[in-house]
Amino acid sequence: MFPGNRTFLCWQDGLRENGQIIAFNPACGAAIASTGTTPLYNWFAVLRSDAAGRTTGFIPDGELCSGGRGGPYDFTAYNAVRTDWPRTHLTSGNTYQIRHSNWAAHPGRFRVSITPQGWNANSALRWQDLTQIQEVTDPPATGPPGTLNYYWWNLTMPSGRSGNAILYIQWIRSDSAENFFSCSDIVFDGGNGQVTGVGPNQSQPPPTSVSQPPPSTTTTNPGTTTRPGGTTSNPGGGACTARYRTVNEWNSGFQGEVTITAGTAPVNGWTVRWTNPPATQVTQIWSGTYSASGSAAAVTNVNYNAQIPANGTTQFGFLGTGTALGTNMTISCSSP
């Protein structure tokens, strides 16, 4: 779910208010034309029940993103060699919270690999293109299975990287031979987790001035505002304020952004709270940790943006399904 893999982001791209999936993204549209929408309604089920941790020689080169051809759904169209899949923009060397759906909750380990610097995105993905950079066993989850909850852990991206890459995750269950597979298209371009290729505005670039900020830095975001949001008044001292805006909106979802501003004293840790409209769900977030209880939503800082200098700002962004947050909404920001 972060960085979003092909099936997850294509599901977000195409899901409409009436429950239909009609793609905006051309790569997602071609996949739907090939194998239908059933795989996307089951975007979390790219699996093989007989994998047992096997890689080379089990799943053929060129079929890694679908987990081969032996799963319950036909994901073969998501192996297509294209450069227009939905993409997550990242910064080389920065640490991110990886999020993997726990729709099916099982014990096991997550094997994380990445393609090398200079990898040709116009070639089929092969096992020899992947270098393992992490393995995590039984990470924590945000909640029970069957919803948009997820397993999470931290990953520091390789340094000195630029350009396109694929982050590949193989989830190896320890209680059966079943394995799950995912291809996440990413680009190292100084981004901060922004997603392009989802929704009607396919060409919207990430805000170039936003990057993963180290502590005590100020960032601004000059991206296009389609709908502003509510804000709190600045109480001064070490408190903070928060302002929301809708960056992009389509029939089935939206991309939102919140800017947090410190008062006249520095902030060390922050939490932003709001109430989601009915049927609205946050499905992906960057530069923050999301939690929800019913309609009550909260986002807390991650390590690199916990500290905000006096009168400085930081931001987080997210994707959601349903109705975008409203212009007259009330959001609050608090610090320890």
Protein backbone atom coordinates (compact mmCIF):
# COMPACT_ATOMS: atom_id res chain seq x y z
CA MET A 1 0.00 0.00 0.00
CA PHE A 2 3.03 2.30 0.37
CA PRO A 3 4.75 2.66 -1.95
CA GLY A 4 1.56 1.59 -3.69
CA ASN A 5 1.88 -1.47 -5.90
CA ARG A 6 0.35 -1.70 -9.36
CA THR A 7 -2.87 -3.44 -8.39
CA PHE A 8 -3.55 -1.20 -5.38
CA LEU A 9 -2.96 2.06 -7.25
CA CYS A 10 -4.90 0.88 -10.31
CA TRP A 11 -7.80 0.01 -7.98
CA GLN A 12 -7.63 3.52 -6.54
CA ASP A 13 -7.30 5.04 -10.01
CA GLY A 14 -10.41 3.40 -11.40
CA LEU A 15 -12.83 3.00 -8.49
CA ARG A 16 -15.92 5.19 -9.00
CA GLU A 17 -18.65 6.25 -6.60
CA ASN A 18 -21.06 3.60 -7.91
CA GLY A 19 -18.50 0.82 -7.27
CA GLN A 20 -17.48 0.40 -10.91
CA ILE A 21 -13.81 0.39 -11.88
CA ILE A 22 -13.13 2.55 -14.94
CA ALA A 23 -9.48 3.48 -15.36
CA PHE A 24 -8.08 6.94 -15.90
CA ASN A 25 -4.51 5.62 -16.11
CA PRO A 26 -3.70 4.14 -19.55
CA ALA A 27 -1.60 1.26 -18.16
CA CYS A 28 -4.37 0.35 -15.73
CA GLY A 29 -6.90 0.64 -18.55
CA ALA A 30 -4.90 -1.74 -20.74
CA ALA A 31 -4.69 -4.23 -17.87
CA ILE A 32 -8.46 -4.07 -17.36
CA ALA A 33 -9.04 -4.55 -21.08
CA SER A 34 -6.86 -7.67 -20.91
CA THR A 35 -8.03 -9.39 -17.71
CA GLY A 36 -11.13 -7.49 -16.57
CA THR A 37 -11.84 -5.75 -13.28
CA THR A 38 -12.09 -8.83 -11.06
CA PRO A 39 -8.35 -8.77 -10.25
CA LEU A 40 -8.60 -5.15 -9.08
CA TYR A 41 -11.50 -5.87 -6.76
CA ASN A 42 -9.04 -8.40 -5.29
CA TRP A 43 -5.95 -6.17 -5.59
CA PHE A 44 -4.48 -7.63 -2.36
CA ALA A 45 -4.54 -11.25 -3.64
CA VAL A 46 -1.47 -11.47 -5.91
CA LEU A 47 -0.47 -14.85 -4.49
CA ARG A 48 0.63 -18.42 -5.05
CA SER A 49 -0.50 -21.08 -2.61
CA ASP A 50 2.50 -23.30 -3.44
CA ALA A 51 5.38 -20.78 -3.53
CA ALA A 52 7.08 -21.65 -0.21
CA GLY A 53 9.64 -18.86 -0.58
CA ARG A 54 10.78 -19.94 -4.05
CA THR A 55 11.91 -17.36 -6.60
CA THR A 56 14.13 -18.08 -9.63
CA GLY A 57 12.94 -21.12 -11.54
CA PHE A 58 9.52 -21.07 -9.89
CA ILE A 59 8.09 -17.79 -11.20
CA PRO A 60 9.38 -17.09 -14.73
CA ASP A 61 11.23 -13.90 -15.55
CA GLY A 62 8.80 -11.34 -16.90
CA GLU A 63 5.98 -12.61 -14.66
CA LEU A 64 7.22 -11.42 -11.27
CA CYS A 65 4.54 -8.76 -10.79
CA SER A 66 1.74 -11.31 -11.16
CA GLY A 67 3.42 -14.00 -9.07
CA GLY A 68 3.38 -16.18 -12.18
CA ARG A 69 0.16 -17.74 -13.47
CA GLY A 70 -0.94 -20.13 -10.76
CA GLY A 71 -2.88 -17.84 -8.43
CA PRO A 72 -6.63 -17.53 -7.89
CA TYR A 73 -6.90 -14.40 -10.09
CA ASP A 74 -5.29 -13.47 -13.40
CA PHE A 75 -2.83 -10.66 -12.72
CA THR A 76 -0.67 -11.33 -15.79
CA ALA A 77 -1.61 -7.98 -17.37
CA TYR A 78 0.23 -6.25 -14.52
CA ASN A 79 3.53 -7.64 -15.84
CA ALA A 80 3.27 -5.33 -18.86
CA VAL A 81 6.45 -3.42 -19.68
CA ARG A 82 5.28 0.21 -19.59
CA THR A 83 6.51 3.48 -18.12
CA ASP A 84 3.04 4.90 -17.37
CA TRP A 85 2.05 2.78 -14.38
CA PRO A 86 1.06 4.85 -11.30
CA ARG A 87 4.27 5.92 -9.61
CA THR A 88 5.41 7.02 -6.14
CA HIS A 89 8.03 9.79 -5.94
CA LEU A 90 10.73 9.28 -3.31
CA THR A 91 14.10 10.62 -2.16
CA SER A 92 17.16 8.38 -2.23
CA GLY A 93 18.63 7.65 1.20
CA ASN A 94 15.52 8.66 3.14
CA THR A 95 13.57 6.42 5.50
CA TYR A 96 9.92 5.56 4.80
CA GLN A 97 7.24 3.54 6.52
CA ILE A 98 6.44 0.57 4.28
CA ARG A 99 2.77 -0.47 4.43
CA HIS A 100 1.56 -3.88 3.28
CA SER A 101 -2.09 -4.90 3.31
CA ASN A 102 -3.08 -7.34 6.05
CA TRP A 103 -6.36 -8.21 4.36
CA ALA A 104 -5.17 -11.77 4.86
CA ALA A 105 -3.40 -11.78 8.24
CA HIS A 106 -0.70 -14.43 8.69
CA PRO A 107 2.67 -14.79 10.38
CA GLY A 108 5.70 -14.67 8.14
CA ARG A 109 8.52 -12.59 6.72
CA PHE A 110 8.62 -9.85 4.11
CA ARG A 111 11.52 -9.98 1.67
CA VAL A 112 12.13 -6.54 0.11
CA SER A 113 14.19 -6.11 -3.08
CA ILE A 114 14.88 -3.31 -5.54
CA THR A 115 16.11 -2.91 -9.10
CA PRO A 116 19.58 -1.35 -9.55
CA GLN A 117 20.58 2.18 -10.49
CA GLY A 118 20.15 2.60 -14.23
CA TRP A 119 17.64 -0.23 -14.52
CA ASN A 120 15.84 -0.09 -17.86
CA ALA A 121 12.12 0.38 -17.19
CA ASN A 122 11.47 -0.62 -20.82
CA SER A 123 12.56 -4.20 -20.15
CA ALA A 124 10.78 -7.12 -18.50
CA LEU A 125 11.50 -7.54 -14.79
CA ARG A 126 13.78 -10.52 -14.08
CA TRP A 127 14.96 -12.09 -10.84
CA GLN A 128 18.53 -11.10 -11.68
CA ASP A 129 17.41 -7.46 -11.75
CA LEU A 130 16.52 -7.54 -8.05
CA THR A 131 18.79 -7.04 -5.04
CA GLN A 132 17.40 -7.85 -1.62
CA ILE A 133 17.75 -4.88 0.76
CA GLN A 134 15.64 -5.96 3.75
CA GLU A 135 13.82 -8.85 5.41
CA VAL A 136 11.30 -8.27 8.19
CA THR A 137 9.57 -10.95 10.27
CA ASP A 138 6.10 -10.51 11.80
CA PRO A 139 5.90 -6.68 11.73
CA PRO A 140 3.11 -4.90 13.66
CA ALA A 141 -0.29 -4.18 12.10
CA THR A 142 -2.59 -1.19 12.43
CA GLY A 143 -5.68 -3.29 13.03
CA PRO A 144 -7.56 -6.47 12.16
CA PRO A 145 -7.71 -7.96 8.65
CA GLY A 146 -10.52 -7.42 6.19
CA THR A 147 -10.30 -3.61 5.87
CA LEU A 148 -7.61 -1.18 4.72
CA ASN A 149 -5.40 -1.92 7.71
CA TYR A 150 -1.81 -2.87 7.07
CA TYR A 151 1.47 -4.25 8.37
CA TRP A 152 4.16 -1.58 8.68
CA TRP A 153 7.90 -1.23 9.17
CA ASN A 154 10.61 1.30 8.35
CA LEU A 155 12.93 1.04 5.34
CA THR A 156 15.85 3.30 4.45
CA MET A 157 16.11 3.57 0.69
CA PRO A 158 19.51 3.03 -0.94
CA SER A 159 21.58 6.20 -1.23
CA GLY A 160 22.92 7.67 -4.44
CA ARG A 161 19.86 6.68 -6.47
CA SER A 162 18.01 8.56 -9.18
CA GLY A 163 15.47 7.66 -11.82
CA ASN A 164 12.92 4.87 -12.06
CA ALA A 165 12.96 1.61 -10.10
CA ILE A 166 10.71 -1.19 -8.92
CA LEU A 167 10.43 -2.08 -5.23
CA TYR A 168 9.52 -5.76 -5.03
CA ILE A 169 8.07 -7.46 -1.95
CA GLN A 170 7.57 -11.19 -1.45
CA TRP A 171 5.58 -12.08 1.68
CA ILE A 172 6.50 -15.59 2.77
CA ARG A 173 4.01 -17.10 5.19
CA SER A 174 5.45 -19.23 7.98
CA ASP A 175 2.22 -21.16 8.57
CA SER A 176 1.75 -22.41 4.99
CA ALA A 177 3.41 -22.41 1.55
CA GLU A 178 1.35 -19.42 0.40
CA ASN A 179 3.31 -16.33 -0.71
CA PHE A 180 2.18 -12.88 -1.85
CA PHE A 181 3.98 -10.73 -4.45
CA SER A 182 3.94 -7.04 -5.35
CA CYS A 183 5.62 -4.60 -7.75
CA SER A 184 5.69 -0.94 -6.72
CA ASP A 185 6.81 1.54 -9.39
CA ILE A 186 8.89 4.29 -7.79
CA VAL A 187 11.10 7.13 -8.95
CA PHE A 188 13.94 8.74 -7.02
CA ASP A 189 13.50 12.41 -7.90
CA GLY A 190 13.48 14.19 -4.53
CA GLY A 191 9.83 13.41 -3.95
CA ASN A 192 8.17 12.99 -0.58
CA GLY A 193 5.80 10.11 -1.34
CA GLN A 194 3.60 11.91 -3.85
CA VAL A 195 1.72 9.67 -6.30
CA THR A 196 1.20 10.42 -9.99
CA GLY A 197 -0.82 8.44 -12.51
CA VAL A 198 -3.91 8.08 -10.29
CA GLY A 199 -7.14 9.87 -11.15
CA PRO A 200 -8.02 12.20 -14.03
CA ASN A 201 -4.96 14.45 -13.75
CA GLN A 202 -2.38 11.89 -14.85
CA SER A 203 0.38 14.34 -15.66
CA GLN A 204 0.37 16.31 -12.41
CA PRO A 205 3.99 16.29 -11.23
CA PRO A 206 5.04 16.11 -7.59
CA PRO A 207 5.79 19.48 -5.96
CA THR A 208 9.49 19.85 -6.74
CA SER A 209 10.27 21.84 -3.58
CA VAL A 210 9.07 19.08 -1.26
CA SER A 211 11.49 16.41 -0.11
CA GLN A 212 11.90 14.24 2.94
CA PRO A 213 12.96 16.97 5.38
CA PRO A 214 15.45 16.33 8.17
CA PRO A 215 14.49 17.66 11.61
CA SER A 216 14.28 21.44 12.02
CA THR A 217 13.80 22.32 8.36
CA THR A 218 11.04 24.26 6.67
CA THR A 219 9.28 23.05 3.53
CA THR A 220 6.76 24.72 1.27
CA ASN A 221 4.52 23.28 -1.40
CA PRO A 222 3.54 25.42 -4.40
CA GLY A 223 1.43 22.70 -6.01
CA THR A 224 -1.91 23.44 -7.62
CA THR A 225 -4.76 24.00 -5.18
CA THR A 226 -8.15 22.84 -6.39
CA ARG A 227 -10.01 23.34 -3.14
CA PRO A 228 -8.79 24.94 0.10
CA GLY A 229 -9.70 23.61 3.51
CA GLY A 230 -10.27 24.72 7.07
CA THR A 231 -7.63 25.92 9.49
CA THR A 232 -7.24 26.64 13.17
CA SER A 233 -6.16 29.94 14.66
CA ASN A 234 -2.56 30.21 15.85
CA PRO A 235 -2.50 30.14 19.65
CA GLY A 236 1.23 30.99 19.81
CA GLY A 237 3.82 29.46 22.12
CA GLY A 238 4.80 25.90 21.25
CA ALA A 239 1.41 25.08 19.74
CA CYS A 240 0.75 24.46 16.05
CA THR A 241 -1.92 25.10 13.46
CA ALA A 242 -2.97 22.98 10.50
CA ARG A 243 -4.44 23.86 7.11
CA TYR A 244 -5.91 21.32 4.67
CA ARG A 245 -6.28 21.59 0.91
CA THR A 246 -7.52 19.22 -1.80
CA VAL A 247 -4.70 18.85 -4.33
CA ASN A 248 -6.66 16.75 -6.82
CA GLU A 249 -10.14 15.21 -6.93
CA TRP A 250 -11.89 12.64 -9.13
CA ASN A 251 -15.17 10.74 -9.00
CA SER A 252 -13.99 8.01 -6.65
CA GLY A 253 -11.39 9.75 -4.55
CA PHE A 254 -9.01 12.59 -3.92
CA GLN A 255 -5.50 13.64 -2.92
CA GLY A 256 -5.23 15.85 0.15
CA GLU A 257 -2.45 17.78 1.82
CA VAL A 258 -2.09 19.29 5.30
CA THR A 259 0.42 22.02 6.19
CA ILE A 260 1.38 22.29 9.86
CA THR A 261 2.76 25.59 11.15
CA ALA A 262 4.54 26.02 14.48
CA GLY A 263 3.78 28.93 16.75
CA THR A 264 6.37 31.30 18.20
CA ALA A 265 8.27 28.42 19.79
CA PRO A 266 9.57 25.18 18.21
CA VAL A 267 7.38 22.08 18.09
CA ASN A 268 8.77 18.65 18.96
CA GLY A 269 6.10 16.17 17.84
CA TRP A 270 2.60 16.90 16.56
CA THR A 271 -0.82 15.35 15.95
CA VAL A 272 -3.47 16.57 13.51
CA ARG A 273 -7.10 15.51 13.99
CA TRP A 274 -10.28 15.83 11.91
CA THR A 275 -13.59 14.04 11.22
CA ASN A 276 -13.90 12.15 7.94
CA PRO A 277 -17.10 12.64 5.91
CA PRO A 278 -19.35 9.57 5.64
CA ALA A 279 -17.88 6.80 3.45
CA THR A 280 -14.51 8.59 3.22
CA GLN A 281 -11.40 6.50 3.89
CA VAL A 282 -7.73 7.44 3.83
CA THR A 283 -5.99 4.70 1.85
CA GLN A 284 -2.41 5.93 1.57
CA ILE A 285 -0.36 8.55 3.42
CA TRP A 286 3.15 9.93 3.29
CA SER A 287 5.14 11.92 5.87
CA GLY A 288 2.77 10.92 8.67
CA THR A 289 1.23 7.98 10.53
CA TYR A 290 -2.54 7.65 10.15
CA SER A 291 -5.05 6.15 12.56
CA ALA A 292 -8.84 6.23 12.69
CA SER A 293 -11.62 5.26 15.07
CA GLY A 294 -14.92 5.43 13.23
CA SER A 295 -14.98 8.81 11.51
CA ALA A 296 -12.38 10.34 13.87
CA ALA A 297 -9.03 10.57 12.05
CA ALA A 298 -5.60 11.43 13.38
CA VAL A 299 -2.15 11.81 11.85
CA THR A 300 1.02 11.96 13.92
CA ASN A 301 4.50 12.90 12.84
CA VAL A 302 7.16 10.49 11.66
CA ASN A 303 10.76 10.74 12.89
CA TYR A 304 12.09 13.10 10.25
CA ASN A 305 9.37 15.77 10.57
CA ALA A 306 8.65 15.71 14.30
CA GLN A 307 10.58 18.91 14.92
CA ILE A 308 9.33 22.17 13.42
CA PRO A 309 11.25 25.39 14.12
CA ALA A 310 9.40 28.43 15.48
CA ASN A 311 7.08 29.79 12.78
CA GLY A 312 8.24 26.99 10.47
CA THR A 313 6.13 24.49 8.56
CA THR A 314 6.02 20.86 7.49
CA GLN A 315 3.49 18.85 5.50
CA PHE A 316 1.96 15.45 4.99
CA GLY A 317 -0.19 14.19 2.13
CA PHE A 318 -2.60 11.36 1.53
CA LEU A 319 -4.93 9.63 -0.92
CA GLY A 320 -8.52 8.84 -0.04
CA THR A 321 -11.64 7.25 -1.43
CA GLY A 322 -15.06 8.82 -1.15
CA THR A 323 -15.72 12.51 -0.56
CA ALA A 324 -12.82 14.93 -0.20
CA LEU A 325 -12.53 16.79 3.07
CA GLY A 326 -14.66 19.93 2.99
CA THR A 327 -13.80 23.61 2.80
CA ASN A 328 -15.51 24.33 6.12
CA MET A 329 -14.05 21.38 8.00
CA THR A 330 -12.35 21.90 11.35
CA ILE A 331 -8.95 20.38 11.90
CA SER A 332 -6.82 20.76 14.99
CA CYS A 333 -3.11 20.46 15.64
CA SER A 334 -1.58 19.71 19.02
CA SER A 335 1.93 19.08 20.28
CA PRO A 336 3.17 17.37 23.44
